[in-house]
Protein backbone atom coordinates (compact mmCIF):
# COMPACT_ATOMS: atom_id res chain seq x y z
CA MET A 1 37.21 -79.37 -96.61
CA SER A 2 34.25 -77.18 -95.85
CA TYR A 3 30.76 -78.24 -94.84
CA ASN A 4 27.35 -76.81 -95.48
CA VAL A 5 26.08 -76.73 -91.87
CA PRO A 6 22.32 -76.23 -91.53
CA GLU A 7 20.91 -73.92 -88.93
CA GLY A 8 18.16 -76.08 -87.43
CA SER A 9 16.74 -77.07 -90.79
CA ALA A 10 16.74 -80.18 -92.92
CA ASP A 11 16.39 -77.98 -96.02
CA LEU A 12 20.00 -78.15 -97.18
CA GLU A 13 21.32 -77.01 -100.52
CA TYR A 14 24.02 -78.73 -102.55
CA ALA A 15 27.37 -77.07 -101.92
CA PRO A 16 29.75 -77.95 -104.79
CA GLU A 17 32.62 -76.33 -102.90
CA GLY A 18 32.17 -78.52 -99.82
CA GLY A 19 30.26 -81.30 -98.15
CA VAL A 20 26.84 -81.57 -96.57
CA TYR A 21 26.41 -82.10 -92.83
CA VAL A 22 23.13 -83.52 -91.56
CA PRO A 23 22.76 -83.66 -87.75
CA ASN A 24 21.29 -86.82 -86.22
CA LYS A 25 17.82 -85.34 -85.64
CA ASP A 26 17.55 -83.77 -89.12
CA GLY A 27 16.21 -85.29 -92.28
CA VAL A 28 12.64 -86.24 -93.14
CA THR A 29 11.11 -89.20 -91.29
CA THR A 30 7.93 -90.83 -92.59
CA TRP A 31 5.95 -94.01 -92.27
CA PHE A 32 5.80 -95.89 -95.54
CA ASN A 33 3.69 -99.06 -95.77
CA GLY A 34 4.51 -100.27 -92.27
CA ASP A 35 8.19 -99.24 -92.14
CA VAL A 36 9.88 -96.11 -90.80
CA TYR A 37 12.17 -94.26 -93.22
CA SER A 38 14.43 -91.32 -92.36
CA VAL A 39 15.81 -89.60 -95.45
CA LYS A 40 19.18 -88.20 -94.41
CA LEU A 41 20.68 -87.18 -97.77
CA THR A 42 18.84 -86.44 -100.98
CA GLY A 43 19.95 -86.32 -104.56
CA GLU A 44 19.03 -82.65 -104.48
CA GLN A 45 21.44 -82.00 -101.60
CA THR A 46 24.29 -83.89 -103.29
CA GLY A 47 23.99 -82.64 -106.85
CA GLY A 48 22.28 -85.90 -107.84
CA ASN A 49 25.17 -88.05 -106.67
CA VAL A 50 23.70 -90.00 -103.75
CA GLY A 51 20.66 -90.47 -101.53
CA LEU A 52 20.86 -92.02 -98.06
CA VAL A 53 18.02 -93.46 -95.99
CA VAL A 54 17.93 -95.02 -92.50
CA ALA A 55 15.13 -97.58 -92.22
CA THR A 56 13.53 -99.36 -89.30
CA VAL A 57 11.66 -102.46 -90.41
CA PRO A 58 9.34 -104.09 -87.85
CA PRO A 59 8.66 -107.84 -87.82
CA GLY A 60 6.75 -108.72 -90.97
CA GLY A 61 7.82 -105.45 -92.61
CA GLY A 62 9.60 -104.62 -95.83
CA PRO A 63 8.64 -103.53 -99.34
CA PRO A 64 7.20 -105.76 -102.06
CA PRO A 65 9.55 -106.86 -104.85
CA HIS A 66 10.47 -103.83 -106.94
CA VAL A 67 12.99 -102.53 -109.49
CA HIS A 68 15.02 -99.33 -109.87
CA GLY A 69 15.74 -99.02 -113.58
CA HIS A 70 18.50 -96.41 -113.37
CA THR A 71 19.66 -96.56 -109.74
CA ASP A 72 22.03 -98.86 -107.85
CA GLU A 73 21.17 -99.60 -104.22
CA THR A 74 23.54 -100.55 -101.41
CA PHE A 75 22.28 -101.78 -98.04
CA TYR A 76 24.15 -101.91 -94.72
CA VAL A 77 22.37 -103.83 -91.95
CA VAL A 78 22.85 -102.04 -88.62
CA ASP A 79 20.73 -104.32 -86.42
CA GLY A 80 18.61 -107.43 -86.76
CA GLU A 81 18.19 -109.87 -89.62
CA LEU A 82 16.43 -109.56 -92.97
CA ASP A 83 15.64 -111.90 -95.82
CA PHE A 84 16.69 -110.39 -99.16
CA LEU A 85 15.45 -111.27 -102.61
CA ASP A 86 17.79 -110.62 -105.55
CA VAL A 87 15.92 -111.56 -108.75
CA ASP A 88 15.23 -115.25 -107.94
CA LYS A 89 17.66 -115.87 -105.08
CA THR A 90 16.72 -115.34 -101.41
CA PHE A 91 19.31 -115.06 -98.64
CA THR A 92 19.47 -113.91 -95.01
CA VAL A 93 21.58 -110.95 -93.92
CA ALA A 94 22.46 -109.85 -90.39
CA ALA A 95 23.97 -106.88 -88.57
CA GLY A 96 27.23 -105.82 -90.19
CA ASP A 97 26.39 -107.32 -93.60
CA VAL A 98 26.35 -105.30 -96.82
CA VAL A 99 24.31 -105.98 -99.96
CA PHE A 100 24.87 -104.22 -103.29
CA LEU A 101 22.13 -104.51 -105.92
CA PRO A 102 22.80 -103.01 -109.34
CA ARG A 103 20.07 -101.19 -111.22
CA GLY A 104 17.50 -103.21 -113.09
CA ARG A 105 17.26 -106.13 -110.62
CA VAL A 106 14.04 -107.17 -108.91
CA HIS A 107 14.68 -107.08 -105.17
CA ARG A 108 13.09 -106.70 -101.77
CA PHE A 109 13.84 -107.23 -98.08
CA TYR A 110 11.61 -108.72 -95.42
CA ASN A 111 11.90 -108.99 -91.63
CA PRO A 112 10.93 -112.55 -90.60
CA GLY A 113 12.10 -112.04 -87.01
CA LEU A 114 10.62 -111.02 -83.68
CA LEU A 115 12.45 -107.68 -83.35
CA PRO A 116 12.77 -104.63 -85.61
CA ALA A 117 15.70 -104.51 -88.01
CA LYS A 118 17.59 -101.33 -88.83
CA LEU A 119 19.44 -100.71 -92.05
CA VAL A 120 20.94 -97.92 -94.10
CA PHE A 121 20.49 -97.76 -97.83
CA VAL A 122 22.38 -95.69 -100.32
CA TYR A 123 21.04 -94.83 -103.76
CA THR A 124 23.45 -93.98 -106.56
CA PRO A 125 22.60 -91.73 -108.21
CA GLY A 126 20.33 -90.07 -105.67
CA GLY A 127 16.65 -89.39 -106.21
CA VAL A 128 14.77 -92.58 -105.36
CA GLU A 129 14.71 -91.57 -101.68
CA GLY A 130 12.27 -88.78 -102.54
CA VAL A 131 9.43 -91.29 -102.71
CA PHE A 132 9.53 -91.68 -98.91
CA ALA A 133 9.42 -87.96 -98.20
CA GLU A 134 6.69 -87.30 -100.78
CA GLY A 135 4.58 -90.43 -100.35
CA GLY A 136 4.98 -91.35 -96.70
CA ASP A 137 2.77 -90.55 -93.74
CA GLU A 138 3.59 -88.25 -90.84
CA PRO A 139 4.74 -90.40 -87.88
CA GLN A 140 2.44 -90.36 -84.85
CA PRO A 141 4.22 -90.33 -81.46
CA GLY A 142 3.25 -93.25 -79.23
CA VAL A 143 1.57 -95.15 -82.07
CA GLN A 144 2.86 -98.28 -83.81
CA VAL A 145 3.37 -97.91 -87.57
CA GLN A 146 0.94 -100.06 -89.59
CA PRO A 147 1.12 -101.56 -93.08
CA TRP A 148 -1.08 -99.83 -95.63
CA PRO A 149 -4.35 -101.44 -96.71
CA PRO A 150 -4.46 -102.62 -100.36
CA GLU A 151 -6.53 -99.59 -101.46
CA ARG A 152 -3.61 -97.31 -100.47
CA ILE A 153 -1.59 -98.76 -103.35
CA ASP A 154 -3.43 -96.65 -105.91
CA GLU A 155 -2.62 -94.94 -109.21
CA ARG A 156 -1.23 -91.86 -107.42
CA LEU A 157 1.28 -94.02 -105.51
CA ILE A 158 2.22 -96.06 -108.59
CA ASN A 159 2.88 -92.80 -110.47
CA LEU A 160 4.93 -91.43 -107.55
CA LEU A 161 7.03 -94.61 -107.50
CA ALA A 162 7.58 -94.34 -111.26
CA ALA A 163 8.64 -90.70 -110.91
CA HIS A 164 11.30 -91.95 -108.47
CA ASP A 165 12.70 -94.72 -110.68
CA THR A 166 10.74 -97.50 -108.97
CA THR A 167 8.38 -100.04 -110.52
CA VAL A 168 6.58 -102.97 -108.94
CA PRO A 169 6.50 -105.91 -111.35
CA PRO A 170 3.30 -107.95 -111.64
CA GLN A 171 3.20 -110.80 -109.14
């Protein structure tokens, strides 16, 4: 097996003859509505096959309920606890737990605890992860990430979400 090894850059290209290697410090990290997302693998890097994101979710953090119409999502909880919504069922997951949500299901996660939670999510096929890189904010060293004010959820963001197979149903 061969690997496409980057030379100090997160700008990797899909290598059909081998794998993709992403060093720990590579990828694109952004703040997105109060959470920290590090995109480690993109659909572009994997020929559309998979996207992989590492997320840190502070207390009170997590996305609103949303749907991916053409993308399955698998979550692996690395640290902490999160409340998950799957359509109309809510359940608590903890470190070491895995959740698979097939495409077309309304879902969300929320951190009700006192400490940040860390999880990895995998999109199949890849592509949804692009919303974090394109729509997120540049992290500020030494500053706590903050949730976005309501006016930040504007038409531009809604269109960006839609371009990345994500819709937010009316609440």
